[in-house]
C-alpha cells in the first residue's frame, strides 16, 4: 500500500499494529532515518532493544544469508509485546528476499521495517511493498516539516503556548535547517522554557537557534551599521586582543551588509527580505537589522559594499600598512555614511 506524503506523518505517529511492515525511502538519509526512528518508537514503545523486541539487520547481511530475514521475523521473543525487524540500506537486489518474508508473514510475527535510498516507480522493492495488502511504502521527500509536524514536535517538547509571531519564526527556521538540527533546536527550546510560564517568543527562539556570526563580531558590526563611530575603536581593541584577524572582520562585515542590501532589494520590503534570508534572521536581531536597513537604504548600502570589497582586496595585497588600523578606518568611514545627505 502506497502512503501519500500527507499520510506519512500520521502513519508514523500511529502505525497499523497488524501490518506486515513498512518501507521508508528517499534521497535525504537524515529525513528517512528520523521517520524510521519515529515509526519504530510508535510501533514498539520504549525499551524495545533492551527487551530484544527489535532486531537490526544490514542489507549486506541479507545478501550473504537471505534466510536471516525470515528467521528474524518468525523468531519468538522472550519478552511480551510487539516486535520488529529493521533492515537498513535495502536495495532492489533484495526484493526476492523481502517477497519471501512478506509471503510467509502471519499476524503475530515481527513487522518488517526497511529503509532505502532513492527508489524509482519501477523499483522492484518499491513495487513489492506498494502492492502488498498490508505492508506500506512511504516516500520521504526533501521538504520542510509541515505546520502540523512542527506543532507535534513542540508538544513533545512540552511547548504549548505558541503565539503567531513565534510560530512564523519556527516555520522559517524549519525551512532553513536540516531536519535533525531543527528537531534538536525544538528540544533545546523545551529545556530553555522549562519552568517558564510565559508564551514562547521570538527572543526565546533567537537564544537557542544556531548562530550565523560570532557574537563578538556582532557588536562592532552593529556599531558600524547604527552609525556609532565612537564605539568602534574600543570594540576593535577587544577583538584584536581575542585574536580576530582583520580579514575575518572584513568578511563578516561584507556578509552583514550584503544581508542588509538583500533586504532592501526585496520586492515586499526589508522585513520580508530579512525573513527570506538563508539562514533566516530571528527575534531581536531581526528587529535590529530591519532598523539598520531602513537607516541606510539601498544606494548607501551599495556604496558600503564597494568600500568593503576594496578594503578586502587591500588586506589581501602586499601592502605594509597596519591591517587592523586599515579596517578600523574603513568601519569608521562606513559609520559616517548614513548621516550624509540628511543635512
C-alpha atoms as a PDB file:
ATOM      1  CA  UNK A   1       0.000   0.000   0.000  1.00  0.00           C
ATOM      2  CA  UNK A   2       1.345   3.378  -1.019  1.00  0.00           C
ATOM      3  CA  UNK A   3       1.283   6.191   1.531  1.00  0.00           C
ATOM      4  CA  UNK A   4       0.841   9.718   0.228  1.00  0.00           C
ATOM      5  CA  UNK A   5       3.173  12.432   1.629  1.00  0.00           C
ATOM      6  CA  UNK A   6       0.231  13.725   3.685  1.00  0.00           C
ATOM      7  CA  UNK A   7      -0.400  10.277   5.178  1.00  0.00           C
ATOM      8  CA  UNK A   8       3.212   9.522   6.126  1.00  0.00           C
ATOM      9  CA  UNK A   9       3.373  11.772   9.210  1.00  0.00           C
ATOM     10  CA  UNK A  10       0.075  10.428  10.549  1.00  0.00           C
ATOM     11  CA  UNK A  11       1.104   6.814   9.945  1.00  0.00           C
ATOM     12  CA  UNK A  12       4.475   7.013  11.709  1.00  0.00           C
ATOM     13  CA  UNK A  13       2.753   8.539  14.754  1.00  0.00           C
ATOM     14  CA  UNK A  14       0.025   5.886  14.790  1.00  0.00           C
ATOM     15  CA  UNK A  15       1.119   2.845  12.754  1.00  0.00           C
ATOM     16  CA  UNK A  16      -1.038  -0.174  11.998  1.00  0.00           C
ATOM     17  CA  UNK A  17      -0.007  -2.838  14.504  1.00  0.00           C
ATOM     18  CA  UNK A  18      -1.454  -5.543  12.239  1.00  0.00           C
ATOM     19  CA  UNK A  19       0.587  -4.515   9.168  1.00  0.00           C
ATOM     20  CA  UNK A  20       3.291  -6.741   7.728  1.00  0.00           C
ATOM     21  CA  UNK A  21       5.757  -3.878   7.611  1.00  0.00           C
ATOM     22  CA  UNK A  22       6.781  -0.609   6.020  1.00  0.00           C
ATOM     23  CA  UNK A  23       9.396   0.526   3.521  1.00  0.00           C
ATOM     24  CA  UNK A  24      10.696   4.086   4.048  1.00  0.00           C
ATOM     25  CA  UNK A  25      12.788   5.510   1.220  1.00  0.00           C
ATOM     26  CA  UNK A  26      14.078   8.844  -0.069  1.00  0.00           C
ATOM     27  CA  UNK A  27      17.082  10.924  -1.125  1.00  0.00           C
ATOM     28  CA  UNK A  28      17.750  12.515   2.265  1.00  0.00           C
ATOM     29  CA  UNK A  29      19.182   9.877   4.596  1.00  0.00           C
ATOM     30  CA  UNK A  30      18.575  12.046   7.674  1.00  0.00           C
ATOM     31  CA  UNK A  31      14.875  12.517   6.903  1.00  0.00           C
ATOM     32  CA  UNK A  32      14.483   8.793   6.223  1.00  0.00           C
ATOM     33  CA  UNK A  33      16.257   7.933   9.487  1.00  0.00           C
ATOM     34  CA  UNK A  34      14.066  10.306  11.502  1.00  0.00           C
ATOM     35  CA  UNK A  35      10.872   8.829  10.069  1.00  0.00           C
ATOM     36  CA  UNK A  36      12.121   5.315  10.726  1.00  0.00           C
ATOM     37  CA  UNK A  37      13.003   6.273  14.296  1.00  0.00           C
ATOM     38  CA  UNK A  38       9.539   7.764  14.867  1.00  0.00           C
ATOM     39  CA  UNK A  39       7.844   4.718  13.366  1.00  0.00           C
ATOM     40  CA  UNK A  40       9.760   2.218  15.488  1.00  0.00           C
ATOM     41  CA  UNK A  41       9.113   4.206  18.657  1.00  0.00           C
ATOM     42  CA  UNK A  42       5.383   4.432  17.906  1.00  0.00           C
ATOM     43  CA  UNK A  43       5.202   0.755  16.984  1.00  0.00           C
ATOM     44  CA  UNK A  44       7.316  -0.790  19.751  1.00  0.00           C
ATOM     45  CA  UNK A  45       7.266   1.781  22.551  1.00  0.00           C
ATOM     46  CA  UNK A  46      10.171   2.319  24.927  1.00  0.00           C
ATOM     47  CA  UNK A  47      12.702  -0.345  25.846  1.00  0.00           C
ATOM     48  CA  UNK A  48      12.319  -2.410  22.663  1.00  0.00           C
ATOM     49  CA  UNK A  49      16.039  -3.033  22.200  1.00  0.00           C
ATOM     50  CA  UNK A  50      16.632  -3.844  25.873  1.00  0.00           C
ATOM     51  CA  UNK A  51      13.769  -6.342  25.732  1.00  0.00           C
ATOM     52  CA  UNK A  52      15.097  -7.794  22.447  1.00  0.00           C
ATOM     53  CA  UNK A  53      11.893  -6.930  20.594  1.00  0.00           C
ATOM     54  CA  UNK A  54      13.845  -5.152  17.836  1.00  0.00           C
ATOM     55  CA  UNK A  55      16.239  -6.966  15.512  1.00  0.00           C
ATOM     56  CA  UNK A  56      18.593  -4.912  13.341  1.00  0.00           C
ATOM     57  CA  UNK A  57      19.886  -6.277  10.047  1.00  0.00           C
ATOM     58  CA  UNK A  58      22.037  -4.714   7.337  1.00  0.00           C
ATOM     59  CA  UNK A  59      21.253  -5.105   3.668  1.00  0.00           C
ATOM     60  CA  UNK A  60      24.690  -6.600   3.051  1.00  0.00           C
ATOM     61  CA  UNK A  61      23.987  -9.233   5.688  1.00  0.00           C
ATOM     62  CA  UNK A  62      20.881 -10.399   3.830  1.00  0.00           C
ATOM     63  CA  UNK A  63      22.755 -10.665   0.567  1.00  0.00           C
ATOM     64  CA  UNK A  64      25.112 -13.224   2.080  1.00  0.00           C
ATOM     65  CA  UNK A  65      22.424 -15.030   4.097  1.00  0.00           C
ATOM     66  CA  UNK A  66      18.883 -14.419   2.722  1.00  0.00           C
ATOM     67  CA  UNK A  67      17.228 -16.719   5.277  1.00  0.00           C
ATOM     68  CA  UNK A  68      18.210 -14.359   8.123  1.00  0.00           C
ATOM     69  CA  UNK A  69      15.236 -12.073   7.484  1.00  0.00           C
ATOM     70  CA  UNK A  70      12.549 -14.753   7.646  1.00  0.00           C
ATOM     71  CA  UNK A  71      14.207 -16.339  10.690  1.00  0.00           C
ATOM     72  CA  UNK A  72      14.136 -12.998  12.490  1.00  0.00           C
ATOM     73  CA  UNK A  73      10.502 -12.362  11.511  1.00  0.00           C
ATOM     74  CA  UNK A  74       9.400 -15.757  12.841  1.00  0.00           C
ATOM     75  CA  UNK A  75      11.548 -15.784  15.978  1.00  0.00           C
ATOM     76  CA  UNK A  76       9.633 -15.933  19.265  1.00  0.00           C
ATOM     77  CA  UNK A  77      10.541 -13.156  21.651  1.00  0.00           C
ATOM     78  CA  UNK A  78      11.365 -13.762  25.307  1.00  0.00           C
ATOM     79  CA  UNK A  79       9.551 -10.576  26.409  1.00  0.00           C
ATOM     80  CA  UNK A  80       5.913  -9.860  25.569  1.00  0.00           C
ATOM     81  CA  UNK A  81       4.972  -7.017  23.243  1.00  0.00           C
ATOM     82  CA  UNK A  82       5.171  -6.100  19.561  1.00  0.00           C
ATOM     83  CA  UNK A  83       8.332  -6.985  17.643  1.00  0.00           C
ATOM     84  CA  UNK A  84      10.020  -5.626  14.535  1.00  0.00           C
ATOM     85  CA  UNK A  85      12.905  -6.421  12.229  1.00  0.00           C
ATOM     86  CA  UNK A  86      14.678  -3.326  10.914  1.00  0.00           C
ATOM     87  CA  UNK A  87      16.639  -3.708   7.654  1.00  0.00           C
ATOM     88  CA  UNK A  88      18.906  -0.794   6.809  1.00  0.00           C
ATOM     89  CA  UNK A  89      20.102   0.066   3.275  1.00  0.00           C
ATOM     90  CA  UNK A  90      17.699  -2.227   1.439  1.00  0.00           C
ATOM     91  CA  UNK A  91      18.092  -2.412  -2.350  1.00  0.00           C
ATOM     92  CA  UNK A  92      16.202  -3.778  -5.329  1.00  0.00           C
ATOM     93  CA  UNK A  93      18.510  -6.788  -5.325  1.00  0.00           C
ATOM     94  CA  UNK A  94      16.923  -7.851  -2.038  1.00  0.00           C
ATOM     95  CA  UNK A  95      13.363  -7.724  -3.406  1.00  0.00           C
ATOM     96  CA  UNK A  96      13.103 -11.563  -3.641  1.00  0.00           C
ATOM     97  CA  UNK A  97      14.230 -11.882  -0.003  1.00  0.00           C
ATOM     98  CA  UNK A  98      11.557  -9.417   1.148  1.00  0.00           C
ATOM     99  CA  UNK A  99       8.988 -11.075  -1.107  1.00  0.00           C
ATOM    100  CA  UNK A 100       9.566 -14.438   0.600  1.00  0.00           C
ATOM    101  CA  UNK A 101       9.335 -12.899   4.078  1.00  0.00           C
ATOM    102  CA  UNK A 102       6.154 -10.959   3.267  1.00  0.00           C
ATOM    103  CA  UNK A 103       4.532 -14.007   1.686  1.00  0.00           C
ATOM    104  CA  UNK A 104       5.184 -16.083   4.834  1.00  0.00           C
ATOM    105  CA  UNK A 105       4.289 -13.291   7.250  1.00  0.00           C
ATOM    106  CA  UNK A 106       1.413 -14.014   9.640  1.00  0.00           C
ATOM    107  CA  UNK A 107      -0.240 -11.937  12.395  1.00  0.00           C
ATOM    108  CA  UNK A 108       1.943 -12.113  15.488  1.00  0.00           C
ATOM    109  CA  UNK A 109       5.186 -12.154  13.511  1.00  0.00           C
ATOM    110  CA  UNK A 110       7.622  -9.271  13.737  1.00  0.00           C
ATOM    111  CA  UNK A 111       6.899  -6.357  11.429  1.00  0.00           C
ATOM    112  CA  UNK A 112       9.426  -5.731   8.654  1.00  0.00           C
ATOM    113  CA  UNK A 113      10.684  -2.139   8.667  1.00  0.00           C
ATOM    114  CA  UNK A 114      13.117  -1.343   5.859  1.00  0.00           C
ATOM    115  CA  UNK A 115      14.858   1.849   4.748  1.00  0.00           C
ATOM    116  CA  UNK A 116      16.320   2.631   1.348  1.00  0.00           C
ATOM    117  CA  UNK A 117      17.670   5.489  -0.700  1.00  0.00           C
ATOM    118  CA  UNK A 118      16.036   6.816  -3.847  1.00  0.00           C
ATOM    119  CA  UNK A 119      13.706   4.296  -5.486  1.00  0.00           C
ATOM    120  CA  UNK A 120      12.076   4.975  -8.838  1.00  0.00           C
ATOM    121  CA  UNK A 121       8.456   3.969  -9.543  1.00  0.00           C
ATOM    122  CA  UNK A 122       9.869   0.991 -11.469  1.00  0.00           C
ATOM    123  CA  UNK A 123      11.824  -0.232  -8.428  1.00  0.00           C
ATOM    124  CA  UNK A 124      11.120  -3.891  -7.630  1.00  0.00           C
ATOM    125  CA  UNK A 125      11.386  -3.275  -3.879  1.00  0.00           C
ATOM    126  CA  UNK A 126       9.046  -0.304  -4.006  1.00  0.00           C
ATOM    127  CA  UNK A 127       6.504  -2.184  -6.135  1.00  0.00           C
ATOM    128  CA  UNK A 128       6.611  -5.098  -3.707  1.00  0.00           C
ATOM    129  CA  UNK A 129       5.662  -3.006  -0.653  1.00  0.00           C
ATOM    130  CA  UNK A 130       3.182  -0.836  -2.567  1.00  0.00           C
ATOM    131  CA  UNK A 131       1.429  -3.899  -3.958  1.00  0.00           C
ATOM    132  CA  UNK A 132       1.208  -5.825  -0.693  1.00  0.00           C
ATOM    133  CA  UNK A 133      -2.188  -5.873   1.030  1.00  0.00           C
ATOM    134  CA  UNK A 134      -0.995  -4.818   4.482  1.00  0.00           C
ATOM    135  CA  UNK A 135       2.576  -3.562   4.015  1.00  0.00           C
ATOM    136  CA  UNK A 136       3.208   0.152   3.468  1.00  0.00           C
ATOM    137  CA  UNK A 137       5.594   2.131   1.262  1.00  0.00           C
ATOM    138  CA  UNK A 138       6.426   5.687   2.355  1.00  0.00           C
ATOM    139  CA  UNK A 139       8.370   8.050   0.106  1.00  0.00           C
ATOM    140  CA  UNK A 140      10.203  10.793   2.033  1.00  0.00           C
ATOM    141  CA  UNK A 141      10.765  13.943   0.003  1.00  0.00           C
ATOM    142  CA  UNK A 142      13.201  16.771   0.622  1.00  0.00           C
ATOM    143  CA  UNK A 143      10.554  19.081   2.071  1.00  0.00           C
ATOM    144  CA  UNK A 144      10.494  21.072   5.334  1.00  0.00           C
ATOM    145  CA  UNK A 145       8.192  19.926   8.137  1.00  0.00           C
ATOM    146  CA  UNK A 146       4.576  20.998   7.817  1.00  0.00           C
ATOM    147  CA  UNK A 147       2.908  23.190  10.417  1.00  0.00           C
ATOM    148  CA  UNK A 148       1.207  20.120  11.886  1.00  0.00           C
ATOM    149  CA  UNK A 149       4.553  18.333  12.243  1.00  0.00           C
ATOM    150  CA  UNK A 150       6.104  21.395  13.888  1.00  0.00           C
ATOM    151  CA  UNK A 151       3.197  21.559  16.335  1.00  0.00           C
ATOM    152  CA  UNK A 152       3.711  17.878  17.152  1.00  0.00           C
ATOM    153  CA  UNK A 153       7.417  18.444  17.877  1.00  0.00           C
ATOM    154  CA  UNK A 154       6.522  21.406  20.078  1.00  0.00           C
ATOM    155  CA  UNK A 155       4.019  19.355  22.080  1.00  0.00           C
ATOM    156  CA  UNK A 156       6.583  16.597  22.560  1.00  0.00           C
ATOM    157  CA  UNK A 157       8.995  19.237  23.872  1.00  0.00           C
ATOM    158  CA  UNK A 158       6.353  20.481  26.331  1.00  0.00           C
ATOM    159  CA  UNK A 159       5.676  23.752  24.466  1.00  0.00           C
ATOM    160  CA  UNK A 160       2.003  24.611  24.019  1.00  0.00           C
ATOM    161  CA  UNK A 161       1.681  28.409  24.271  1.00  0.00           C
ATOM    162  CA  UNK A 162       2.970  29.483  20.839  1.00  0.00           C
ATOM    163  CA  UNK A 163       1.951  32.952  19.588  1.00  0.00           C
ATOM    164  CA  UNK A 164       1.704  33.574  15.862  1.00  0.00           C
ATOM    165  CA  UNK A 165       4.971  35.541  15.666  1.00  0.00           C
ATOM    166  CA  UNK A 166       6.909  32.703  17.292  1.00  0.00           C
ATOM    167  CA  UNK A 167       5.276  30.103  15.035  1.00  0.00           C
ATOM    168  CA  UNK A 168       6.227  32.140  11.961  1.00  0.00           C
ATOM    169  CA  UNK A 169       9.863  32.157  13.127  1.00  0.00           C
ATOM    170  CA  UNK A 170       9.772  28.402  13.731  1.00  0.00           C
ATOM    171  CA  UNK A 171       8.358  27.731  10.270  1.00  0.00           C
ATOM    172  CA  UNK A 172      11.120  29.843   8.736  1.00  0.00           C
ATOM    173  CA  UNK A 173      13.734  28.029  10.805  1.00  0.00           C
ATOM    174  CA  UNK A 174      12.304  24.662   9.728  1.00  0.00           C
ATOM    175  CA  UNK A 175      12.821  25.619   6.081  1.00  0.00           C
ATOM    176  CA  UNK A 176      16.416  26.677   6.684  1.00  0.00           C
ATOM    177  CA  UNK A 177      17.758  23.888   8.920  1.00  0.00           C
ATOM    178  CA  UNK A 178      18.260  20.179   8.240  1.00  0.00           C
ATOM    179  CA  UNK A 179      15.515  18.141   9.919  1.00  0.00           C
ATOM    180  CA  UNK A 180      17.769  16.743  12.626  1.00  0.00           C
ATOM    181  CA  UNK A 181      19.086  20.206  13.530  1.00  0.00           C
ATOM    182  CA  UNK A 182      15.558  21.610  13.660  1.00  0.00           C
ATOM    183  CA  UNK A 183      14.413  18.803  15.948  1.00  0.00           C
ATOM    184  CA  UNK A 184      17.359  19.457  18.278  1.00  0.00           C
ATOM    185  CA  UNK A 185      16.547  23.172  18.282  1.00  0.00           C
ATOM    186  CA  UNK A 186      12.959  22.450  19.352  1.00  0.00           C
ATOM    187  CA  UNK A 187      14.211  20.120  22.088  1.00  0.00           C
ATOM    188  CA  UNK A 188      16.566  22.845  23.331  1.00  0.00           C
ATOM    189  CA  UNK A 189      13.652  25.275  23.290  1.00  0.00           C
ATOM    190  CA  UNK A 190      11.707  22.900  25.537  1.00  0.00           C
ATOM    191  CA  UNK A 191      14.595  22.799  28.016  1.00  0.00           C
ATOM    192  CA  UNK A 192      15.120  26.548  27.768  1.00  0.00           C
ATOM    193  CA  UNK A 193      11.455  27.276  28.588  1.00  0.00           C
ATOM    194  CA  UNK A 194      11.061  24.623  31.299  1.00  0.00           C
ATOM    195  CA  UNK A 195       9.505  26.243  34.343  1.00  0.00           C
ATOM    196  CA  UNK A 196       8.819  29.476  32.424  1.00  0.00           C
ATOM    197  CA  UNK A 197       5.047  30.108  32.183  1.00  0.00           C
ATOM    198  CA  UNK A 198       5.329  32.953  29.652  1.00  0.00           C
ATOM    199  CA  UNK A 199       4.452  32.297  25.973  1.00  0.00           C
ATOM    200  CA  UNK A 200       7.237  31.314  23.595  1.00  0.00           C
ATOM    201  CA  UNK A 201       8.610  34.441  21.948  1.00  0.00           C
ATOM    202  CA  UNK A 202      10.971  35.322  19.074  1.00  0.00           C
ATOM    203  CA  UNK A 203      13.657  36.211  21.608  1.00  0.00           C
ATOM    204  CA  UNK A 204      13.493  32.666  23.043  1.00  0.00           C
ATOM    205  CA  UNK A 205      13.948  31.196  19.566  1.00  0.00           C
ATOM    206  CA  UNK A 206      16.847  33.534  18.845  1.00  0.00           C
ATOM    207  CA  UNK A 207      18.503  32.432  22.105  1.00  0.00           C
ATOM    208  CA  UNK A 208      18.730  28.775  21.053  1.00  0.00           C
ATOM    209  CA  UNK A 209      18.778  28.979  17.236  1.00  0.00           C
ATOM    210  CA  UNK A 210      22.133  28.238  15.549  1.00  0.00           C
ATOM    211  CA  UNK A 211      24.184  31.414  15.295  1.00  0.00           C
ATOM    212  CA  UNK A 212      25.296  32.709  11.876  1.00  0.00           C
ATOM    213  CA  UNK A 213      28.007  35.071  13.175  1.00  0.00           C
ATOM    214  CA  UNK A 214      30.208  35.151  16.233  1.00  0.00           C
ATOM    215  CA  UNK A 215      28.555  37.224  18.945  1.00  0.00           C
ATOM    216  CA  UNK A 216      31.820  39.141  19.467  1.00  0.00           C
ATOM    217  CA  UNK A 217      31.733  40.331  15.856  1.00  0.00           C
ATOM    218  CA  UNK A 218      28.088  41.384  16.096  1.00  0.00           C
ATOM    219  CA  UNK A 219      28.975  44.242  18.452  1.00  0.00           C
ATOM    220  CA  UNK A 220      31.292  46.010  16.023  1.00  0.00           C
ATOM    221  CA  UNK A 221      29.066  45.286  13.015  1.00  0.00           C
ATOM    222  CA  UNK A 222      26.032  46.726  14.769  1.00  0.00           C
ATOM    223  CA  UNK A 223      28.020  49.762  15.906  1.00  0.00           C
ATOM    224  CA  UNK A 224      29.038  50.359  12.292  1.00  0.00           C
ATOM    225  CA  UNK A 225      25.568  49.830  10.837  1.00  0.00           C
ATOM    226  CA  UNK A 226      23.987  52.040  13.508  1.00  0.00           C
ATOM    227  CA  UNK A 227      26.459  54.906  12.951  1.00  0.00           C
ATOM    228  CA  UNK A 228      28.012  54.619  16.425  1.00  0.00           C
ATOM    229  CA  UNK A 229      31.507  55.730  15.386  1.00  0.00           C
ATOM    230  CA  UNK A 230      32.724  56.230  18.940  1.00  0.00           C
ATOM    231  CA  UNK A 231      32.158  52.588  19.864  1.00  0.00           C
ATOM    232  CA  UNK A 232      34.142  51.061  17.010  1.00  0.00           C
ATOM    233  CA  UNK A 233      37.693  51.657  18.320  1.00  0.00           C
ATOM    234  CA  UNK A 234      37.219  50.104  21.789  1.00  0.00           C
ATOM    235  CA  UNK A 235      35.402  47.084  20.352  1.00  0.00           C
ATOM    236  CA  UNK A 236      38.142  46.528  17.771  1.00  0.00           C
ATOM    237  CA  UNK A 237      40.789  46.666  20.504  1.00  0.00           C
ATOM    238  CA  UNK A 238      38.933  43.908  22.345  1.00  0.00           C
ATOM    239  CA  UNK A 239      38.548  41.819  19.180  1.00  0.00           C
ATOM    240  CA  UNK A 240      42.217  42.254  18.323  1.00  0.00           C
ATOM    241  CA  UNK A 241      43.130  41.046  21.791  1.00  0.00           C
ATOM    242  CA  UNK A 242      40.984  37.972  21.213  1.00  0.00           C
ATOM    243  CA  UNK A 243      42.932  37.180  18.041  1.00  0.00           C
ATOM    244  CA  UNK A 244      40.301  38.151  15.438  1.00  0.00           C
ATOM    245  CA  UNK A 245      42.090  38.811  12.135  1.00  0.00           C
ATOM    246  CA  UNK A 246      41.224  41.939  10.107  1.00  0.00           C
ATOM    247  CA  UNK A 247      40.389  39.795   7.068  1.00  0.00           C
ATOM    248  CA  UNK A 248      37.931  37.779   9.167  1.00  0.00           C
ATOM    249  CA  UNK A 249      36.337  41.005  10.349  1.00  0.00           C
ATOM    250  CA  UNK A 250      36.084  42.304   6.786  1.00  0.00           C
ATOM    251  CA  UNK A 251      34.429  39.094   5.588  1.00  0.00           C
ATOM    252  CA  UNK A 252      31.920  39.295   8.440  1.00  0.00           C
ATOM    253  CA  UNK A 253      31.173  42.943   7.601  1.00  0.00           C
ATOM    254  CA  UNK A 254      30.643  42.056   3.936  1.00  0.00           C
ATOM    255  CA  UNK A 255      28.236  39.303   4.935  1.00  0.00           C
ATOM    256  CA  UNK A 256      26.310  41.634   7.251  1.00  0.00           C
ATOM    257  CA  UNK A 257      25.992  44.470   4.738  1.00  0.00           C
ATOM    258  CA  UNK A 258      25.093  42.092   1.928  1.00  0.00           C
ATOM    259  CA  UNK A 259      22.245  40.802   4.103  1.00  0.00           C
ATOM    260  CA  UNK A 260      21.062  44.383   4.657  1.00  0.00           C
ATOM    261  CA  UNK A 261      21.337  45.112   0.932  1.00  0.00           C
ATOM    262  CA  UNK A 262      19.384  41.988   0.015  1.00  0.00           C
ATOM    263  CA  UNK A 263      16.688  43.003   2.485  1.00  0.00           C
ATOM    264  CA  UNK A 264      16.332  46.485   0.975  1.00  0.00           C
ATOM    265  CA  UNK A 265      16.120  45.000  -2.535  1.00  0.00           C
ATOM    266  CA  UNK A 266      13.285  42.595  -1.673  1.00  0.00           C
ATOM    267  CA  UNK A 267      10.097  43.469  -3.608  1.00  0.00           C
ATOM    268  CA  UNK A 268       7.983  43.154  -0.457  1.00  0.00           C
ATOM    269  CA  UNK A 269      10.193  45.374   1.675  1.00  0.00           C
ATOM    270  CA  UNK A 270      13.104  44.924   4.124  1.00  0.00           C
ATOM    271  CA  UNK A 271      11.059  42.925   6.655  1.00  0.00           C
ATOM    272  CA  UNK A 272      10.174  40.305   4.041  1.00  0.00           C
ATOM    273  CA  UNK A 273      13.770  40.412   2.807  1.00  0.00           C
ATOM    274  CA  UNK A 274      15.120  39.509   6.237  1.00  0.00           C
ATOM    275  CA  UNK A 275      12.509  36.763   6.583  1.00  0.00           C
ATOM    276  CA  UNK A 276      13.762  35.276   3.301  1.00  0.00           C
ATOM    277  CA  UNK A 277      17.437  35.181   4.413  1.00  0.00           C
ATOM    278  CA  UNK A 278      19.161  31.788   4.459  1.00  0.00           C
ATOM    279  CA  UNK A 279      19.853  31.194   7.319  1.00  0.00           C
ATOM    280  CA  UNK A 280      16.909  33.307   8.483  1.00  0.00           C
ATOM    281  CA  UNK A 281      17.226  36.209  10.928  1.00  0.00           C
ATOM    282  CA  UNK A 282      15.300  35.907  14.196  1.00  0.00           C
ATOM    283  CA  UNK A 283      13.892  37.858  17.104  1.00  0.00           C
ATOM    284  CA  UNK A 284      15.675  40.967  18.407  1.00  0.00           C
ATOM    285  CA  UNK A 285      18.470  40.589  15.846  1.00  0.00           C
ATOM    286  CA  UNK A 286      15.901  40.724  13.025  1.00  0.00           C
ATOM    287  CA  UNK A 287      14.312  43.858  14.509  1.00  0.00           C
ATOM    288  CA  UNK A 288      17.730  45.462  14.840  1.00  0.00           C
ATOM    289  CA  UNK A 289      18.758  44.665  11.281  1.00  0.00           C
ATOM    290  CA  UNK A 290      15.409  45.946   9.996  1.00  0.00           C
ATOM    291  CA  UNK A 291      16.122  49.350  11.567  1.00  0.00           C
ATOM    292  CA  UNK A 292      19.627  49.276  10.089  1.00  0.00           C
ATOM    293  CA  UNK A 293      18.311  48.523   6.593  1.00  0.00           C
ATOM    294  CA  UNK A 294      15.793  51.359   6.874  1.00  0.00           C
ATOM    295  CA  UNK A 295      18.524  53.726   8.103  1.00  0.00           C
ATOM    296  CA  UNK A 296      20.866  53.003   5.207  1.00  0.00           C
ATOM    297  CA  UNK A 297      18.740  52.460   2.113  1.00  0.00           C
ATOM    298  CA  UNK A 298      19.832  50.596  -0.993  1.00  0.00           C
ATOM    299  CA  UNK A 299      22.140  53.223  -2.536  1.00  0.00           C
ATOM    300  CA  UNK A 300      24.269  53.773   0.584  1.00  0.00           C
ATOM    301  CA  UNK A 301      24.475  50.035   1.175  1.00  0.00           C
ATOM    302  CA  UNK A 302      25.870  49.609  -2.332  1.00  0.00           C
ATOM    303  CA  UNK A 303      28.475  52.272  -1.537  1.00  0.00           C
ATOM    304  CA  UNK A 304      29.314  50.412   1.680  1.00  0.00           C
ATOM    305  CA  UNK A 305      29.744  47.117  -0.146  1.00  0.00           C
ATOM    306  CA  UNK A 306      32.060  48.737  -2.687  1.00  0.00           C
ATOM    307  CA  UNK A 307      34.203  50.174   0.113  1.00  0.00           C
ATOM    308  CA  UNK A 308      34.354  46.818   1.906  1.00  0.00           C
ATOM    309  CA  UNK A 309      35.353  44.957  -1.258  1.00  0.00           C
ATOM    310  CA  UNK A 310      38.186  47.447  -1.858  1.00  0.00           C
ATOM    311  CA  UNK A 311      39.321  47.022   1.746  1.00  0.00           C
ATOM    312  CA  UNK A 312      39.250  43.226   1.433  1.00  0.00           C
ATOM    313  CA  UNK A 313      41.459  43.397  -1.673  1.00  0.00           C
ATOM    314  CA  UNK A 314      43.875  45.749   0.096  1.00  0.00           C
ATOM    315  CA  UNK A 315      44.105  43.480   3.148  1.00  0.00           C
ATOM    316  CA  UNK A 316      44.994  40.547   0.902  1.00  0.00           C
ATOM    317  CA  UNK A 317      47.576  42.512  -1.080  1.00  0.00           C
ATOM    318  CA  UNK A 318      51.270  43.076  -0.328  1.00  0.00           C
ATOM    319  CA  UNK A 319      50.705  46.490   1.309  1.00  0.00           C
ATOM    320  CA  UNK A 320      52.554  47.106   4.572  1.00  0.00           C
ATOM    321  CA  UNK A 321      50.086  49.364   6.424  1.00  0.00           C
ATOM    322  CA  UNK A 322      48.794  48.030   9.782  1.00  0.00           C
ATOM    323  CA  UNK A 323      45.827  45.905   8.808  1.00  0.00           C
ATOM    324  CA  UNK A 324      43.663  46.439  11.904  1.00  0.00           C
ATOM    325  CA  UNK A 325      44.141  50.218  11.601  1.00  0.00           C
ATOM    326  CA  UNK A 326      43.084  49.976   7.961  1.00  0.00           C
ATOM    327  CA  UNK A 327      39.987  48.010   8.958  1.00  0.00           C
ATOM    328  CA  UNK A 328      39.157  50.482  11.713  1.00  0.00           C
ATOM    329  CA  UNK A 329      39.357  53.390   9.249  1.00  0.00           C
ATOM    330  CA  UNK A 330      37.014  51.579   6.872  1.00  0.00           C
ATOM    331  CA  UNK A 331      34.433  50.867   9.578  1.00  0.00           C
ATOM    332  CA  UNK A 332      34.501  54.472  10.806  1.00  0.00           C
ATOM    333  CA  UNK A 333      34.016  55.721   7.242  1.00  0.00           C
ATOM    334  CA  UNK A 334      31.087  53.326   6.902  1.00  0.00           C
ATOM    335  CA  UNK A 335      29.548  54.505  10.167  1.00  0.00           C
ATOM    336  CA  UNK A 336      29.602  58.089   8.851  1.00  0.00           C
ATOM    337  CA  UNK A 337      27.780  57.243   5.618  1.00  0.00           C
ATOM    338  CA  UNK A 338      24.161  57.198   6.901  1.00  0.00           C
ATOM    339  CA  UNK A 339      24.431  60.789   8.143  1.00  0.00           C
ATOM    340  CA  UNK A 340      25.415  62.082   4.690  1.00  0.00           C
ATOM    341  CA  UNK A 341      22.577  63.517   2.677  1.00  0.00           C
ATOM    342  CA  UNK A 342      20.445  64.275   5.746  1.00  0.00           C
ATOM    343  CA  UNK A 343      21.981  67.659   6.399  1.00  0.00           C
END
